[in-house]
Every structure is written in C-alpha cells, then in structure tokens.
Amino acid sequence: MNQPIPEVTDKDVIRIVRRDLPKTQFDEVISILNEYGTEGWQRSVSRVRLAVLKLANGDLEALRREIEAAKRDYRDVLAYAEYPEYMQKVSPSSRLADEEKERIIRSDWNQYQNWLNRK
C-alpha cells in the first residue's frame, strides 16, 4: 500500500488558519505561510503550508520554526505532519510485517483527514 497524498487547495489553508488561530493573528500567519513557495524548487505549496499549520498546532512561534524547516526541505514537514506514526515506527531496518505497515499508513491517513476536516 502506498501512502496516500492529500489533495488540498489555498482555500483549505485559509480555512485552517481561521479555524486554528485567533482572528487577530490572521494577517501575520498568512505572511509567515507565504514565505514558503517563493522559490522554484518549493513544491506542493498548499500541501506544505497545511503541514506547517498542523505541526504548529496553533502556536505562532512553532509556525515560524516549521516554515523555516519547510524552506530547508519541505519533505520533512510533509512526512511528520501527514505520516507521524509511520515516521516513528517504520525505518529501513524495521522488521514490521507488511500488514502492520499498511495499518500504520491507514491510521496516519485517517488522523490527517480527521484533522483537516475538523470543524
């Protein structure tokens, strides 16, 4: 089983900012998020911005740290936001059965979808 890849948009980013952060911080948060996506090598802009928001968990300082991490290597924030259990339990040397890896992938996908779609 391959790890699913979320399909998200800028509208999702705005919705999550409004959901998870105070209205008074909206402009500042958007400004921080807009720091990612300015370079040609920075891919999947909306997806990475959502990953940063998820990892920051409403904390403005954490948001700044995570956006800096994304600017260095966006794959790091994607991996830890979208596949947290997989990142903890599966390594090249792990001896987990394929069924357990699939269970972890499904679990990670469900937790991400629950976070994304929470009201």
PDB file of N, CA and C in Angstrom:
ATOM      1  N   MET A   1       0.852  -1.184   0.000  1.00  0.00           N
ATOM      2  CA  MET A   1       0.000   0.000   0.000  1.00  0.00           C
ATOM      3  C   MET A   1       0.893   1.241   0.000  1.00  0.00           C
ATOM      4  N   ASN A   2       0.626   2.126  -0.922  1.00  0.00           N
ATOM      5  CA  ASN A   2       1.349   3.401  -0.954  1.00  0.00           C
ATOM      6  C   ASN A   2       0.688   4.392  -0.003  1.00  0.00           C
ATOM      7  N   GLN A   3       1.495   5.300   0.498  1.00  0.00           N
ATOM      8  CA  GLN A   3       0.938   6.337   1.360  1.00  0.00           C
ATOM      9  C   GLN A   3       0.106   7.296   0.508  1.00  0.00           C
ATOM     10  N   PRO A   4      -1.133   7.555   0.906  1.00  0.00           N
ATOM     11  CA  PRO A   4      -1.967   8.489   0.144  1.00  0.00           C
ATOM     12  C   PRO A   4      -1.431   9.912   0.252  1.00  0.00           C
ATOM     13  N   ILE A   5      -1.703  10.689  -0.766  1.00  0.00           N
ATOM     14  CA  ILE A   5      -1.254  12.080  -0.808  1.00  0.00           C
ATOM     15  C   ILE A   5      -2.489  12.975  -0.815  1.00  0.00           C
ATOM     16  N   PRO A   6      -2.606  13.846   0.180  1.00  0.00           N
ATOM     17  CA  PRO A   6      -3.793  14.712   0.221  1.00  0.00           C
ATOM     18  C   PRO A   6      -3.800  15.715  -0.931  1.00  0.00           C
ATOM     19  N   GLU A   7      -4.970  15.949  -1.449  1.00  0.00           N
ATOM     20  CA  GLU A   7      -5.156  16.985  -2.460  1.00  0.00           C
ATOM     21  C   GLU A   7      -5.835  18.160  -1.768  1.00  0.00           C
ATOM     22  N   VAL A   8      -5.082  19.236  -1.611  1.00  0.00           N
ATOM     23  CA  VAL A   8      -5.584  20.389  -0.878  1.00  0.00           C
ATOM     24  C   VAL A   8      -5.370  21.651  -1.709  1.00  0.00           C
ATOM     25  N   THR A   9      -6.061  22.711  -1.296  1.00  0.00           N
ATOM     26  CA  THR A   9      -6.012  23.974  -2.037  1.00  0.00           C
ATOM     27  C   THR A   9      -5.695  25.134  -1.097  1.00  0.00           C
ATOM     28  N   ASP A  10      -5.515  26.298  -1.694  1.00  0.00           N
ATOM     29  CA  ASP A  10      -5.332  27.511  -0.894  1.00  0.00           C
ATOM     30  C   ASP A  10      -6.549  27.776  -0.011  1.00  0.00           C
ATOM     31  N   LYS A  11      -7.732  27.400  -0.485  1.00  0.00           N
ATOM     32  CA  LYS A  11      -8.939  27.576   0.328  1.00  0.00           C
ATOM     33  C   LYS A  11      -8.864  26.754   1.609  1.00  0.00           C
ATOM     34  N   ASP A  12      -8.284  25.563   1.515  1.00  0.00           N
ATOM     35  CA  ASP A  12      -8.099  24.741   2.710  1.00  0.00           C
ATOM     36  C   ASP A  12      -7.153  25.433   3.694  1.00  0.00           C
ATOM     37  N   VAL A  13      -6.098  26.027   3.172  1.00  0.00           N
ATOM     38  CA  VAL A  13      -5.137  26.729   4.028  1.00  0.00           C
ATOM     39  C   VAL A  13      -5.841  27.855   4.786  1.00  0.00           C
ATOM     40  N   ILE A  14      -6.590  28.669   4.078  1.00  0.00           N
ATOM     41  CA  ILE A  14      -7.307  29.790   4.708  1.00  0.00           C
ATOM     42  C   ILE A  14      -8.294  29.273   5.754  1.00  0.00           C
ATOM     43  N   ARG A  15      -9.011  28.219   5.425  1.00  0.00           N
ATOM     44  CA  ARG A  15      -9.991  27.648   6.356  1.00  0.00           C
ATOM     45  C   ARG A  15      -9.317  27.186   7.641  1.00  0.00           C
ATOM     46  N   ILE A  16      -8.178  26.515   7.519  1.00  0.00           N
ATOM     47  CA  ILE A  16      -7.480  26.013   8.699  1.00  0.00           C
ATOM     48  C   ILE A  16      -6.893  27.159   9.518  1.00  0.00           C
ATOM     49  N   VAL A  17      -6.370  28.176   8.858  1.00  0.00           N
ATOM     50  CA  VAL A  17      -5.865  29.345   9.600  1.00  0.00           C
ATOM     51  C   VAL A  17      -6.999  29.947  10.416  1.00  0.00           C
ATOM     52  N   ARG A  18      -8.151  30.119   9.798  1.00  0.00           N
ATOM     53  CA  ARG A  18      -9.303  30.695  10.508  1.00  0.00           C
ATOM     54  C   ARG A  18      -9.792  29.784  11.621  1.00  0.00           C
ATOM     55  N   ARG A  19      -9.700  28.496  11.406  1.00  0.00           N
ATOM     56  CA  ARG A  19     -10.174  27.538  12.409  1.00  0.00           C
ATOM     57  C   ARG A  19      -9.235  27.454  13.603  1.00  0.00           C
ATOM     58  N   ASP A  20      -7.929  27.459  13.350  1.00  0.00           N
ATOM     59  CA  ASP A  20      -6.974  27.103  14.389  1.00  0.00           C
ATOM     60  C   ASP A  20      -6.245  28.265  15.051  1.00  0.00           C
ATOM     61  N   LEU A  21      -6.355  29.453  14.498  1.00  0.00           N
ATOM     62  CA  LEU A  21      -5.609  30.588  15.059  1.00  0.00           C
ATOM     63  C   LEU A  21      -6.545  31.760  15.302  1.00  0.00           C
ATOM     64  N   PRO A  22      -6.188  32.615  16.253  1.00  0.00           N
ATOM     65  CA  PRO A  22      -7.029  33.781  16.544  1.00  0.00           C
ATOM     66  C   PRO A  22      -7.150  34.716  15.337  1.00  0.00           C
ATOM     67  N   LYS A  23      -8.309  35.327  15.187  1.00  0.00           N
ATOM     68  CA  LYS A  23      -8.539  36.272  14.097  1.00  0.00           C
ATOM     69  C   LYS A  23      -7.506  37.389  14.090  1.00  0.00           C
ATOM     70  N   THR A  24      -7.071  37.784  15.264  1.00  0.00           N
ATOM     71  CA  THR A  24      -6.117  38.892  15.366  1.00  0.00           C
ATOM     72  C   THR A  24      -4.755  38.540  14.761  1.00  0.00           C
ATOM     73  N   GLN A  25      -4.480  37.259  14.574  1.00  0.00           N
ATOM     74  CA  GLN A  25      -3.198  36.822  14.018  1.00  0.00           C
ATOM     75  C   GLN A  25      -3.282  36.440  12.540  1.00  0.00           C
ATOM     76  N   PHE A  26      -4.462  36.565  11.962  1.00  0.00           N
ATOM     77  CA  PHE A  26      -4.668  36.089  10.591  1.00  0.00           C
ATOM     78  C   PHE A  26      -3.631  36.650   9.618  1.00  0.00           C
ATOM     79  N   ASP A  27      -3.475  37.964   9.561  1.00  0.00           N
ATOM     80  CA  ASP A  27      -2.545  38.574   8.595  1.00  0.00           C
ATOM     81  C   ASP A  27      -1.111  38.122   8.841  1.00  0.00           C
ATOM     82  N   GLU A  28      -0.714  38.050  10.101  1.00  0.00           N
ATOM     83  CA  GLU A  28       0.645  37.618  10.431  1.00  0.00           C
ATOM     84  C   GLU A  28       0.883  36.167  10.027  1.00  0.00           C
ATOM     85  N   VAL A  29      -0.096  35.314  10.287  1.00  0.00           N
ATOM     86  CA  VAL A  29       0.020  33.898   9.940  1.00  0.00           C
ATOM     87  C   VAL A  29       0.131  33.733   8.427  1.00  0.00           C
ATOM     88  N   ILE A  30      -0.709  34.428   7.690  1.00  0.00           N
ATOM     89  CA  ILE A  30      -0.656  34.338   6.229  1.00  0.00           C
ATOM     90  C   ILE A  30       0.693  34.839   5.720  1.00  0.00           C
ATOM     91  N   SER A  31       1.195  35.892   6.305  1.00  0.00           N
ATOM     92  CA  SER A  31       2.501  36.415   5.909  1.00  0.00           C
ATOM     93  C   SER A  31       3.605  35.380   6.144  1.00  0.00           C
ATOM     94  N   ILE A  32       3.558  34.706   7.271  1.00  0.00           N
ATOM     95  CA  ILE A  32       4.549  33.665   7.575  1.00  0.00           C
ATOM     96  C   ILE A  32       4.407  32.515   6.576  1.00  0.00           C
ATOM     97  N   LEU A  33       3.188  32.058   6.357  1.00  0.00           N
ATOM     98  CA  LEU A  33       2.966  30.953   5.421  1.00  0.00           C
ATOM     99  C   LEU A  33       3.433  31.301   4.016  1.00  0.00           C
ATOM    100  N   ASN A  34       3.268  32.557   3.631  1.00  0.00           N
ATOM    101  CA  ASN A  34       3.661  32.983   2.286  1.00  0.00           C
ATOM    102  C   ASN A  34       5.171  33.018   2.081  1.00  0.00           C
ATOM    103  N   GLU A  35       5.932  32.802   3.139  1.00  0.00           N
ATOM    104  CA  GLU A  35       7.381  32.695   2.987  1.00  0.00           C
ATOM    105  C   GLU A  35       7.766  31.414   2.257  1.00  0.00           C
ATOM    106  N   TYR A  36       6.893  30.417   2.302  1.00  0.00           N
ATOM    107  CA  TYR A  36       7.124  29.175   1.565  1.00  0.00           C
ATOM    108  C   TYR A  36       6.398  29.256   0.233  1.00  0.00           C
ATOM    109  N   GLY A  37       7.107  28.883  -0.820  1.00  0.00           N
ATOM    110  CA  GLY A  37       6.507  28.876  -2.150  1.00  0.00           C
ATOM    111  C   GLY A  37       7.072  29.952  -3.057  1.00  0.00           C
ATOM    112  N   THR A  38       8.076  30.657  -2.576  1.00  0.00           N
ATOM    113  CA  THR A  38       8.655  31.750  -3.364  1.00  0.00           C
ATOM    114  C   THR A  38       9.800  31.277  -4.258  1.00  0.00           C
ATOM    115  N   GLU A  39      10.333  30.102  -3.979  1.00  0.00           N
ATOM    116  CA  GLU A  39      11.442  29.558  -4.765  1.00  0.00           C
ATOM    117  C   GLU A  39      10.918  28.481  -5.710  1.00  0.00           C
ATOM    118  N   GLY A  40      11.537  28.370  -6.851  1.00  0.00           N
ATOM    119  CA  GLY A  40      11.091  27.409  -7.856  1.00  0.00           C
ATOM    120  C   GLY A  40      11.123  25.958  -7.404  1.00  0.00           C
ATOM    121  N   TRP A  41      12.034  25.622  -6.491  1.00  0.00           N
ATOM    122  CA  TRP A  41      12.135  24.243  -6.030  1.00  0.00           C
ATOM    123  C   TRP A  41      11.117  23.915  -4.939  1.00  0.00           C
ATOM    124  N   GLN A  42      10.436  24.906  -4.415  1.00  0.00           N
ATOM    125  CA  GLN A  42       9.466  24.678  -3.336  1.00  0.00           C
ATOM    126  C   GLN A  42       8.158  24.187  -3.942  1.00  0.00           C
ATOM    127  N   ARG A  43       7.902  22.922  -3.772  1.00  0.00           N
ATOM    128  CA  ARG A  43       6.765  22.230  -4.392  1.00  0.00           C
ATOM    129  C   ARG A  43       5.551  22.163  -3.465  1.00  0.00           C
ATOM    130  N   SER A  44       4.433  21.778  -4.048  1.00  0.00           N
ATOM    131  CA  SER A  44       3.207  21.467  -3.293  1.00  0.00           C
ATOM    132  C   SER A  44       2.903  22.527  -2.241  1.00  0.00           C
ATOM    133  N   VAL A  45       2.785  23.751  -2.676  1.00  0.00           N
ATOM    134  CA  VAL A  45       2.720  24.896  -1.758  1.00  0.00           C
ATOM    135  C   VAL A  45       1.573  24.768  -0.752  1.00  0.00           C
ATOM    136  N   SER A  46       0.365  24.547  -1.197  1.00  0.00           N
ATOM    137  CA  SER A  46      -0.763  24.449  -0.260  1.00  0.00           C
ATOM    138  C   SER A  46      -0.592  23.271   0.688  1.00  0.00           C
ATOM    139  N   ARG A  47      -0.138  22.158   0.170  1.00  0.00           N
ATOM    140  CA  ARG A  47       0.058  20.967   0.997  1.00  0.00           C
ATOM    141  C   ARG A  47       1.111  21.216   2.078  1.00  0.00           C
ATOM    142  N   VAL A  48       2.208  21.862   1.710  1.00  0.00           N
ATOM    143  CA  VAL A  48       3.263  22.146   2.689  1.00  0.00           C
ATOM    144  C   VAL A  48       2.774  23.161   3.712  1.00  0.00           C
ATOM    145  N   ARG A  49       2.063  24.165   3.273  1.00  0.00           N
ATOM    146  CA  ARG A  49       1.539  25.162   4.221  1.00  0.00           C
ATOM    147  C   ARG A  49       0.595  24.513   5.225  1.00  0.00           C
ATOM    148  N   LEU A  50      -0.227  23.580   4.766  1.00  0.00           N
ATOM    149  CA  LEU A  50      -1.107  22.866   5.700  1.00  0.00           C
ATOM    150  C   LEU A  50      -0.302  22.011   6.666  1.00  0.00           C
ATOM    151  N   ALA A  51       0.747  21.376   6.177  1.00  0.00           N
ATOM    152  CA  ALA A  51       1.597  20.571   7.052  1.00  0.00           C
ATOM    153  C   ALA A  51       2.210  21.441   8.140  1.00  0.00           C
ATOM    154  N   VAL A  52       2.662  22.622   7.765  1.00  0.00           N
ATOM    155  CA  VAL A  52       3.237  23.561   8.727  1.00  0.00           C
ATOM    156  C   VAL A  52       2.189  23.940   9.770  1.00  0.00           C
ATOM    157  N   LEU A  53       0.984  24.233   9.327  1.00  0.00           N
ATOM    158  CA  LEU A  53      -0.097  24.575  10.258  1.00  0.00           C
ATOM    159  C   LEU A  53      -0.393  23.427  11.213  1.00  0.00           C
ATOM    160  N   LYS A  54      -0.423  22.219  10.694  1.00  0.00           N
ATOM    161  CA  LYS A  54      -0.717  21.056  11.530  1.00  0.00           C
ATOM    162  C   LYS A  54       0.366  20.876  12.587  1.00  0.00           C
ATOM    163  N   LEU A  55       1.616  20.945  12.175  1.00  0.00           N
ATOM    164  CA  LEU A  55       2.717  20.763  13.117  1.00  0.00           C
ATOM    165  C   LEU A  55       2.786  21.884  14.147  1.00  0.00           C
ATOM    166  N   ALA A  56       2.446  23.100  13.741  1.00  0.00           N
ATOM    167  CA  ALA A  56       2.492  24.241  14.663  1.00  0.00           C
ATOM    168  C   ALA A  56       1.393  24.173  15.706  1.00  0.00           C
ATOM    169  N   ASN A  57       0.282  23.547  15.376  1.00  0.00           N
ATOM    170  CA  ASN A  57      -0.808  23.324  16.322  1.00  0.00           C
ATOM    171  C   ASN A  57      -1.258  24.618  17.017  1.00  0.00           C
ATOM    172  N   GLY A  58      -1.385  25.690  16.224  1.00  0.00           N
ATOM    173  CA  GLY A  58      -1.896  26.945  16.756  1.00  0.00           C
ATOM    174  C   GLY A  58      -0.873  27.833  17.435  1.00  0.00           C
ATOM    175  N   ASP A  59       0.383  27.434  17.484  1.00  0.00           N
ATOM    176  CA  ASP A  59       1.444  28.175  18.158  1.00  0.00           C
ATOM    177  C   ASP A  59       2.231  28.986  17.123  1.00  0.00           C
ATOM    178  N   LEU A  60       2.222  30.304  17.260  1.00  0.00           N
ATOM    179  CA  LEU A  60       2.848  31.198  16.287  1.00  0.00           C
ATOM    180  C   LEU A  60       4.362  30.988  16.195  1.00  0.00           C
ATOM    181  N   GLU A  61       5.021  30.771  17.315  1.00  0.00           N
ATOM    182  CA  GLU A  61       6.468  30.528  17.287  1.00  0.00           C
ATOM    183  C   GLU A  61       6.780  29.197  16.601  1.00  0.00           C
ATOM    184  N   ALA A  62       5.979  28.190  16.890  1.00  0.00           N
ATOM    185  CA  ALA A  62       6.152  26.903  16.218  1.00  0.00           C
ATOM    186  C   ALA A  62       5.901  27.043  14.716  1.00  0.00           C
ATOM    187  N   LEU A  63       4.945  27.874  14.347  1.00  0.00           N
ATOM    188  CA  LEU A  63       4.663  28.124  12.934  1.00  0.00           C
ATOM    189  C   LEU A  63       5.906  28.688  12.244  1.00  0.00           C
ATOM    190  N   ARG A  64       6.557  29.631  12.893  1.00  0.00           N
ATOM    191  CA  ARG A  64       7.786  30.209  12.323  1.00  0.00           C
ATOM    192  C   ARG A  64       8.879  29.147  12.167  1.00  0.00           C
ATOM    193  N   ARG A  65       9.039  28.309  13.187  1.00  0.00           N
ATOM    194  CA  ARG A  65      10.062  27.246  13.117  1.00  0.00           C
ATOM    195  C   ARG A  65       9.756  26.265  11.994  1.00  0.00           C
ATOM    196  N   GLU A  66       8.494  25.879  11.884  1.00  0.00           N
ATOM    197  CA  GLU A  66       8.114  24.886  10.874  1.00  0.00           C
ATOM    198  C   GLU A  66       8.224  25.455   9.456  1.00  0.00           C
ATOM    199  N   ILE A  67       7.932  26.731   9.268  1.00  0.00           N
ATOM    200  CA  ILE A  67       8.060  27.317   7.926  1.00  0.00           C
ATOM    201  C   ILE A  67       9.537  27.382   7.545  1.00  0.00           C
ATOM    202  N   GLU A  68      10.394  27.638   8.513  1.00  0.00           N
ATOM    203  CA  GLU A  68      11.841  27.628   8.237  1.00  0.00           C
ATOM    204  C   GLU A  68      12.300  26.218   7.871  1.00  0.00           C
ATOM    205  N   ALA A  69      11.785  25.227   8.567  1.00  0.00           N
ATOM    206  CA  ALA A  69      12.120  23.843   8.240  1.00  0.00           C
ATOM    207  C   ALA A  69      11.646  23.504   6.827  1.00  0.00           C
ATOM    208  N   ALA A  70      10.459  23.948   6.472  1.00  0.00           N
ATOM    209  CA  ALA A  70       9.920  23.685   5.132  1.00  0.00           C
ATOM    210  C   ALA A  70      10.775  24.345   4.066  1.00  0.00           C
ATOM    211  N   LYS A  71      11.276  25.526   4.352  1.00  0.00           N
ATOM    212  CA  LYS A  71      12.117  26.230   3.389  1.00  0.00           C
ATOM    213  C   LYS A  71      13.452  25.510   3.176  1.00  0.00           C
ATOM    214  N   ARG A  72      13.911  24.779   4.178  1.00  0.00           N
ATOM    215  CA  ARG A  72      15.144  23.993   4.030  1.00  0.00           C
ATOM    216  C   ARG A  72      14.872  22.705   3.261  1.00  0.00           C
ATOM    217  N   ASP A  73      13.813  21.984   3.667  1.00  0.00           N
ATOM    218  CA  ASP A  73      13.447  20.733   2.995  1.00  0.00           C
ATOM    219  C   ASP A  73      11.985  20.428   3.305  1.00  0.00           C
ATOM    220  N   TYR A  74      11.134  20.732   2.358  1.00  0.00           N
ATOM    221  CA  TYR A  74       9.688  20.593   2.552  1.00  0.00           C
ATOM    222  C   TYR A  74       9.270  19.164   2.873  1.00  0.00           C
ATOM    223  N   ARG A  75      10.061  18.198   2.470  1.00  0.00           N
ATOM    224  CA  ARG A  75       9.685  16.796   2.706  1.00  0.00           C
ATOM    225  C   ARG A  75       9.636  16.472   4.191  1.00  0.00           C
ATOM    226  N   ASP A  76      10.460  17.158   4.977  1.00  0.00           N
ATOM    227  CA  ASP A  76      10.450  16.904   6.423  1.00  0.00           C
ATOM    228  C   ASP A  76       9.109  17.263   7.045  1.00  0.00           C
ATOM    229  N   VAL A  77       8.578  18.431   6.718  1.00  0.00           N
ATOM    230  CA  VAL A  77       7.298  18.810   7.329  1.00  0.00           C
ATOM    231  C   VAL A  77       6.163  17.945   6.799  1.00  0.00           C
ATOM    232  N   LEU A  78       6.214  17.591   5.525  1.00  0.00           N
ATOM    233  CA  LEU A  78       5.174  16.715   4.986  1.00  0.00           C
ATOM    234  C   LEU A  78       5.183  15.374   5.703  1.00  0.00           C
ATOM    235  N   ALA A  79       6.345  14.802   5.860  1.00  0.00           N
ATOM    236  CA  ALA A  79       6.441  13.478   6.475  1.00  0.00           C
ATOM    237  C   ALA A  79       5.900  13.468   7.895  1.00  0.00           C
ATOM    238  N   TYR A  80       6.302  14.440   8.705  1.00  0.00           N
ATOM    239  CA  TYR A  80       5.887  14.434  10.108  1.00  0.00           C
ATOM    240  C   TYR A  80       4.449  14.896  10.313  1.00  0.00           C
ATOM    241  N   ALA A  81       3.916  15.692   9.406  1.00  0.00           N
ATOM    242  CA  ALA A  81       2.515  16.117   9.528  1.00  0.00           C
ATOM    243  C   ALA A  81       1.560  15.055   8.990  1.00  0.00           C
ATOM    244  N   GLU A  82       1.904  14.453   7.872  1.00  0.00           N
ATOM    245  CA  GLU A  82       0.987  13.526   7.221  1.00  0.00           C
ATOM    246  C   GLU A  82       1.179  12.080   7.663  1.00  0.00           C
ATOM    247  N   TYR A  83       2.378  11.710   8.053  1.00  0.00           N
ATOM    248  CA  TYR A  83       2.692  10.314   8.371  1.00  0.00           C
ATOM    249  C   TYR A  83       3.408  10.187   9.715  1.00  0.00           C
ATOM    250  N   PRO A  84       2.847  10.737  10.794  1.00  0.00           N
ATOM    251  CA  PRO A  84       3.581  10.775  12.071  1.00  0.00           C
ATOM    252  C   PRO A  84       3.899   9.398  12.649  1.00  0.00           C
ATOM    253  N   GLU A  85       2.953   8.494  12.626  1.00  0.00           N
ATOM    254  CA  GLU A  85       3.207   7.167  13.197  1.00  0.00           C
ATOM    255  C   GLU A  85       4.213   6.403  12.331  1.00  0.00           C
ATOM    256  N   TYR A  86       4.068   6.524  11.044  1.00  0.00           N
ATOM    257  CA  TYR A  86       4.997   5.878  10.120  1.00  0.00           C
ATOM    258  C   TYR A  86       6.419   6.365  10.379  1.00  0.00           C
ATOM    259  N   MET A  87       6.582   7.674  10.571  1.00  0.00           N
ATOM    260  CA  MET A  87       7.905   8.238  10.804  1.00  0.00           C
ATOM    261  C   MET A  87       8.506   7.731  12.119  1.00  0.00           C
ATOM    262  N   GLN A  88       7.668   7.412  13.085  1.00  0.00           N
ATOM    263  CA  GLN A  88       8.154   6.919  14.373  1.00  0.00           C
ATOM    264  C   GLN A  88       8.477   5.429  14.353  1.00  0.00           C
ATOM    265  N   LYS A  89       7.685   4.667  13.609  1.00  0.00           N
ATOM    266  CA  LYS A  89       7.772   3.216  13.740  1.00  0.00           C
ATOM    267  C   LYS A  89       8.411   2.481  12.568  1.00  0.00           C
ATOM    268  N   VAL A  90       8.496   3.124  11.418  1.00  0.00           N
ATOM    269  CA  VAL A  90       8.993   2.413  10.240  1.00  0.00           C
ATOM    270  C   VAL A  90      10.308   3.034   9.803  1.00  0.00           C
ATOM    271  N   SER A  91      11.320   2.210   9.743  1.00  0.00           N
ATOM    272  CA  SER A  91      12.626   2.654   9.268  1.00  0.00           C
ATOM    273  C   SER A  91      13.150   1.599   8.295  1.00  0.00           C
ATOM    274  N   PRO A  92      14.198   1.936   7.560  1.00  0.00           N
ATOM    275  CA  PRO A  92      14.740   0.940   6.635  1.00  0.00           C
ATOM    276  C   PRO A  92      15.131  -0.370   7.318  1.00  0.00           C
ATOM    277  N   SER A  93      15.488  -0.297   8.598  1.00  0.00           N
ATOM    278  CA  SER A  93      15.903  -1.516   9.309  1.00  0.00           C
ATOM    279  C   SER A  93      14.762  -2.164  10.098  1.00  0.00           C
ATOM    280  N   SER A  94      13.573  -1.553  10.093  1.00  0.00           N
ATOM    281  CA  SER A  94      12.468  -2.139  10.862  1.00  0.00           C
ATOM    282  C   SER A  94      12.013  -3.440  10.214  1.00  0.00           C
ATOM    283  N   ARG A  95      11.547  -4.304  11.053  1.00  0.00           N
ATOM    284  CA  ARG A  95      11.119  -5.618  10.578  1.00  0.00           C
ATOM    285  C   ARG A  95       9.605  -5.784  10.702  1.00  0.00           C
ATOM    286  N   LEU A  96       8.902  -4.699  10.508  1.00  0.00           N
ATOM    287  CA  LEU A  96       7.445  -4.774  10.606  1.00  0.00           C
ATOM    288  C   LEU A  96       6.868  -5.541   9.424  1.00  0.00           C
ATOM    289  N   ALA A  97       5.841  -6.301   9.717  1.00  0.00           N
ATOM    290  CA  ALA A  97       5.145  -7.027   8.655  1.00  0.00           C
ATOM    291  C   ALA A  97       4.438  -6.027   7.746  1.00  0.00           C
ATOM    292  N   ASP A  98       4.242  -6.413   6.501  1.00  0.00           N
ATOM    293  CA  ASP A  98       3.564  -5.538   5.543  1.00  0.00           C
ATOM    294  C   ASP A  98       2.183  -5.136   6.042  1.00  0.00           C
ATOM    295  N   GLU A  99       1.494  -6.060   6.703  1.00  0.00           N
ATOM    296  CA  GLU A  99       0.164  -5.757   7.225  1.00  0.00           C
ATOM    297  C   GLU A  99       0.222  -4.647   8.264  1.00  0.00           C
ATOM    298  N   GLU A 100       1.255  -4.661   9.108  1.00  0.00           N
ATOM    299  CA  GLU A 100       1.406  -3.625  10.124  1.00  0.00           C
ATOM    300  C   GLU A 100       1.745  -2.285   9.482  1.00  0.00           C
ATOM    301  N   LYS A 101       2.577  -2.292   8.474  1.00  0.00           N
ATOM    302  CA  LYS A 101       2.884  -1.058   7.752  1.00  0.00           C
ATOM    303  C   LYS A 101       1.627  -0.479   7.117  1.00  0.00           C
ATOM    304  N   GLU A 102       0.807  -1.344   6.533  1.00  0.00           N
ATOM    305  CA  GLU A 102      -0.452  -0.888   5.938  1.00  0.00           C
ATOM    306  C   GLU A 102      -1.389  -0.322   6.990  1.00  0.00           C
ATOM    307  N   ARG A 103      -1.440  -0.948   8.160  1.00  0.00           N
ATOM    308  CA  ARG A 103      -2.276  -0.448   9.248  1.00  0.00           C
ATOM    309  C   ARG A 103      -1.807   0.950   9.666  1.00  0.00           C
ATOM    310  N   ILE A 104      -0.507   1.141   9.751  1.00  0.00           N
ATOM    311  CA  ILE A 104       0.054   2.437  10.131  1.00  0.00           C
ATOM    312  C   ILE A 104      -0.274   3.489   9.077  1.00  0.00           C
ATOM    313  N   ILE A 105      -0.142   3.135   7.829  1.00  0.00           N
ATOM    314  CA  ILE A 105      -0.463   4.077   6.742  1.00  0.00           C
ATOM    315  C   ILE A 105      -1.928   4.474   6.804  1.00  0.00           C
ATOM    316  N   ARG A 106      -2.819   3.500   7.001  1.00  0.00           N
ATOM    317  CA  ARG A 106      -4.260   3.811   7.112  1.00  0.00           C
ATOM    318  C   ARG A 106      -4.532   4.695   8.327  1.00  0.00           C
ATOM    319  N   SER A 107      -3.887   4.383   9.437  1.00  0.00           N
ATOM    320  CA  SER A 107      -4.070   5.164  10.653  1.00  0.00           C
ATOM    321  C   SER A 107      -3.608   6.614  10.444  1.00  0.00           C
ATOM    322  N   ASP A 108      -2.447   6.784   9.836  1.00  0.00           N
ATOM    323  CA  ASP A 108      -1.947   8.132   9.551  1.00  0.00           C
ATOM    324  C   ASP A 108      -2.890   8.886   8.632  1.00  0.00           C
ATOM    325  N   TRP A 109      -3.396   8.216   7.604  1.00  0.00           N
ATOM    326  CA  TRP A 109      -4.316   8.869   6.671  1.00  0.00           C
ATOM    327  C   TRP A 109      -5.594   9.303   7.390  1.00  0.00           C
ATOM    328  N   ASN A 110      -6.105   8.441   8.241  1.00  0.00           N
ATOM    329  CA  ASN A 110      -7.330   8.769   8.985  1.00  0.00           C
ATOM    330  C   ASN A 110      -7.107   9.944   9.927  1.00  0.00           C
ATOM    331  N   GLN A 111      -5.977   9.963  10.634  1.00  0.00           N
ATOM    332  CA  GLN A 111      -5.738  11.069  11.562  1.00  0.00           C
ATOM    333  C   GLN A 111      -5.578  12.368  10.799  1.00  0.00           C
ATOM    334  N   TYR A 112      -4.936  12.334   9.632  1.00  0.00           N
ATOM    335  CA  TYR A 112      -4.774  13.561   8.842  1.00  0.00           C
ATOM    336  C   TYR A 112      -6.131  14.061   8.337  1.00  0.00           C
ATOM    337  N   GLN A 113      -6.937  13.155   7.824  1.00  0.00           N
ATOM    338  CA  GLN A 113      -8.254  13.536   7.323  1.00  0.00           C
ATOM    339  C   GLN A 113      -9.133  14.082   8.451  1.00  0.00           C
ATOM    340  N   ASN A 114      -9.060  13.463   9.626  1.00  0.00           N
ATOM    341  CA  ASN A 114      -9.821  13.958  10.777  1.00  0.00           C
ATOM    342  C   ASN A 114      -9.378  15.374  11.153  1.00  0.00           C
ATOM    343  N   TRP A 115      -8.065  15.605  11.160  1.00  0.00           N
ATOM    344  CA  TRP A 115      -7.554  16.950  11.449  1.00  0.00           C
ATOM    345  C   TRP A 115      -8.015  17.942  10.394  1.00  0.00           C
ATOM    346  N   LEU A 116      -7.858  17.593   9.142  1.00  0.00           N
ATOM    347  CA  LEU A 116      -8.188  18.507   8.045  1.00  0.00           C
ATOM    348  C   LEU A 116      -9.669  18.857   8.029  1.00  0.00           C
ATOM    349  N   ASN A 117     -10.523  17.901   8.318  1.00  0.00           N
ATOM    350  CA  ASN A 117     -11.971  18.104   8.182  1.00  0.00           C
ATOM    351  C   ASN A 117     -12.671  18.483   9.487  1.00  0.00           C
ATOM    352  N   ARG A 118     -11.898  18.604  10.559  1.00  0.00           N
ATOM    353  CA  ARG A 118     -12.487  19.004  11.845  1.00  0.00           C
ATOM    354  C   ARG A 118     -13.122  20.384  11.711  1.00  0.00           C
ATOM    355  N   LYS A 119     -14.218  20.599  12.341  1.00  0.00           N
ATOM    356  CA  LYS A 119     -14.921  21.902  12.296  1.00  0.00           C
ATOM    357  C   LYS A 119     -14.426  22.817  13.363  1.00  0.00           C
TER     358      LYS A 119
END
